[in-house]
Every structure is written in C-alpha cells, then in structure tokens.
C-alpha cells in the first residue's frame, strides 16, 4: 500500500496549487489592468485581433508565449524542489 504514497502527495500539492491559483484569479479581477474593464492582459502587442462585419478573429500570440514561459519556469522550479 506504500506504493501510492507519491500519488497522495501529488494530489495534495495539486489541490494547494489550485487554491492558490483561484485566490490569485480572484485578486487579479480587482487589480487595475487585469480586471474585466479593459485590462492589458490578453491585449498585448503581438496579440492578433481582426474584426469584420460578420467575422471576428482573435489569436493571443504574445499572451500565450508569456503564459508558456511562466508555466515552464514554474515547472522547472518545482522539478528542482522535488528532485530526489
């Protein structure tokens, strides 16, 4: 039964990270620039937004790149912390 101890730790860590992420998202809605009213996140230079009469296209290229870099750094830091 000791073989599932790692799974329990991963689930607990995942839950803690989800709670922390939820708290950050709640706080981000109250910060200027990140809220619903004209925030800058998702409207960065390099994000494509094309609007025509019956067509709208949005591709968040720069936003996706920034999110990818942040998540990669987080994954790298966590892999170093939990390395055995």
C-alpha atoms as a PDB file:
ATOM      1  CA  UNK A   1       0.000   0.000   0.000  1.00  0.00           C
ATOM      2  CA  UNK A   2       3.074   2.246   0.322  1.00  0.00           C
ATOM      3  CA  UNK A   3       3.289   2.428  -3.473  1.00  0.00           C
ATOM      4  CA  UNK A   4       0.518   5.053  -3.650  1.00  0.00           C
ATOM      5  CA  UNK A   5       2.080   7.497  -1.184  1.00  0.00           C
ATOM      6  CA  UNK A   6       3.522   9.586  -4.023  1.00  0.00           C
ATOM      7  CA  UNK A   7       0.096   9.883  -5.608  1.00  0.00           C
ATOM      8  CA  UNK A   8      -1.372  11.255  -2.395  1.00  0.00           C
ATOM      9  CA  UNK A   9       1.378  13.865  -2.162  1.00  0.00           C
ATOM     10  CA  UNK A  10       0.869  14.884  -5.785  1.00  0.00           C
ATOM     11  CA  UNK A  11      -2.888  15.264  -5.267  1.00  0.00           C
ATOM     12  CA  UNK A  12      -2.407  17.345  -2.112  1.00  0.00           C
ATOM     13  CA  UNK A  13       0.140  19.579  -3.858  1.00  0.00           C
ATOM     14  CA  UNK A  14      -2.187  19.920  -6.855  1.00  0.00           C
ATOM     15  CA  UNK A  15      -5.042  20.947  -4.566  1.00  0.00           C
ATOM     16  CA  UNK A  16      -2.900  23.542  -2.824  1.00  0.00           C
ATOM     17  CA  UNK A  17      -1.795  24.932  -6.185  1.00  0.00           C
ATOM     18  CA  UNK A  18      -5.398  25.109  -7.404  1.00  0.00           C
ATOM     19  CA  UNK A  19      -6.477  27.004  -4.282  1.00  0.00           C
ATOM     20  CA  UNK A  20      -3.549  29.412  -4.693  1.00  0.00           C
ATOM     21  CA  UNK A  21      -4.351  29.925  -8.384  1.00  0.00           C
ATOM     22  CA  UNK A  22      -8.004  30.549  -7.565  1.00  0.00           C
ATOM     23  CA  UNK A  23      -7.035  33.132  -4.968  1.00  0.00           C
ATOM     24  CA  UNK A  24      -4.754  34.868  -7.457  1.00  0.00           C
ATOM     25  CA  UNK A  25      -7.524  34.971 -10.048  1.00  0.00           C
ATOM     26  CA  UNK A  26      -9.952  36.476  -7.546  1.00  0.00           C
ATOM     27  CA  UNK A  27      -7.395  39.125  -6.624  1.00  0.00           C
ATOM     28  CA  UNK A  28      -6.454  39.742 -10.269  1.00  0.00           C
ATOM     29  CA  UNK A  29     -10.024  40.787 -11.032  1.00  0.00           C
ATOM     30  CA  UNK A  30      -9.633  43.599  -8.517  1.00  0.00           C
ATOM     31  CA  UNK A  31      -6.260  44.873  -9.745  1.00  0.00           C
ATOM     32  CA  UNK A  32      -6.118  47.667 -12.305  1.00  0.00           C
ATOM     33  CA  UNK A  33      -5.025  46.369 -15.685  1.00  0.00           C
ATOM     34  CA  UNK A  34      -6.082  42.779 -15.030  1.00  0.00           C
ATOM     35  CA  UNK A  35      -9.802  43.202 -14.400  1.00  0.00           C
ATOM     36  CA  UNK A  36     -12.721  42.876 -16.790  1.00  0.00           C
ATOM     37  CA  UNK A  37     -12.822  46.548 -17.693  1.00  0.00           C
ATOM     38  CA  UNK A  38     -10.169  46.988 -20.367  1.00  0.00           C
ATOM     39  CA  UNK A  39      -7.314  45.076 -18.805  1.00  0.00           C
ATOM     40  CA  UNK A  40      -3.979  44.776 -20.583  1.00  0.00           C
ATOM     41  CA  UNK A  41      -3.588  41.008 -20.161  1.00  0.00           C
ATOM     42  CA  UNK A  42      -4.836  39.433 -23.376  1.00  0.00           C
ATOM     43  CA  UNK A  43      -4.447  42.688 -25.295  1.00  0.00           C
ATOM     44  CA  UNK A  44      -0.678  42.813 -25.569  1.00  0.00           C
ATOM     45  CA  UNK A  45       1.262  43.896 -28.661  1.00  0.00           C
ATOM     46  CA  UNK A  46       1.502  40.813 -30.853  1.00  0.00           C
ATOM     47  CA  UNK A  47      -1.990  39.527 -29.999  1.00  0.00           C
ATOM     48  CA  UNK A  48      -3.941  39.385 -33.245  1.00  0.00           C
ATOM     49  CA  UNK A  49      -7.453  40.825 -33.244  1.00  0.00           C
ATOM     50  CA  UNK A  50      -9.330  41.142 -36.525  1.00  0.00           C
ATOM     51  CA  UNK A  51     -12.933  42.298 -36.589  1.00  0.00           C
ATOM     52  CA  UNK A  52     -15.026  42.463 -39.747  1.00  0.00           C
ATOM     53  CA  UNK A  53     -18.768  42.718 -40.315  1.00  0.00           C
ATOM     54  CA  UNK A  54     -19.661  39.063 -39.679  1.00  0.00           C
ATOM     55  CA  UNK A  55     -16.294  37.764 -38.545  1.00  0.00           C
ATOM     56  CA  UNK A  56     -14.052  38.168 -35.510  1.00  0.00           C
ATOM     57  CA  UNK A  57     -10.669  36.501 -35.140  1.00  0.00           C
ATOM     58  CA  UNK A  58      -8.537  36.653 -32.000  1.00  0.00           C
ATOM     59  CA  UNK A  59      -5.189  34.906 -31.553  1.00  0.00           C
ATOM     60  CA  UNK A  60      -3.392  35.744 -28.284  1.00  0.00           C
ATOM     61  CA  UNK A  61       0.143  35.007 -29.513  1.00  0.00           C
ATOM     62  CA  UNK A  62       2.104  37.200 -27.077  1.00  0.00           C
ATOM     63  CA  UNK A  63      -0.155  36.348 -24.145  1.00  0.00           C
ATOM     64  CA  UNK A  64       0.236  32.630 -24.884  1.00  0.00           C
ATOM     65  CA  UNK A  65       4.001  32.995 -25.084  1.00  0.00           C
ATOM     66  CA  UNK A  66       4.163  34.766 -21.715  1.00  0.00           C
ATOM     67  CA  UNK A  67       1.910  32.172 -20.060  1.00  0.00           C
ATOM     68  CA  UNK A  68       4.049  29.393 -21.544  1.00  0.00           C
ATOM     69  CA  UNK A  69       7.285  30.904 -20.214  1.00  0.00           C
ATOM     70  CA  UNK A  70       5.811  31.427 -16.730  1.00  0.00           C
ATOM     71  CA  UNK A  71       4.449  27.870 -16.558  1.00  0.00           C
ATOM     72  CA  UNK A  72       7.754  26.440 -17.840  1.00  0.00           C
ATOM     73  CA  UNK A  73       9.680  28.317 -15.150  1.00  0.00           C
ATOM     74  CA  UNK A  74       7.232  27.129 -12.512  1.00  0.00           C
ATOM     75  CA  UNK A  75       7.586  23.530 -13.716  1.00  0.00           C
ATOM     76  CA  UNK A  76      11.392  23.858 -13.689  1.00  0.00           C
ATOM     77  CA  UNK A  77      11.437  25.256 -10.142  1.00  0.00           C
ATOM     78  CA  UNK A  78       9.059  22.562  -8.879  1.00  0.00           C
ATOM     79  CA  UNK A  79      11.137  19.825 -10.532  1.00  0.00           C
ATOM     80  CA  UNK A  80      14.248  21.110  -8.745  1.00  0.00           C
ATOM     81  CA  UNK A  81      12.443  21.335  -5.384  1.00  0.00           C
ATOM     82  CA  UNK A  82      11.005  17.815  -5.579  1.00  0.00           C
ATOM     83  CA  UNK A  83      14.057  16.139  -7.093  1.00  0.00           C
ATOM     84  CA  UNK A  84      15.272  13.174  -5.086  1.00  0.00           C
END
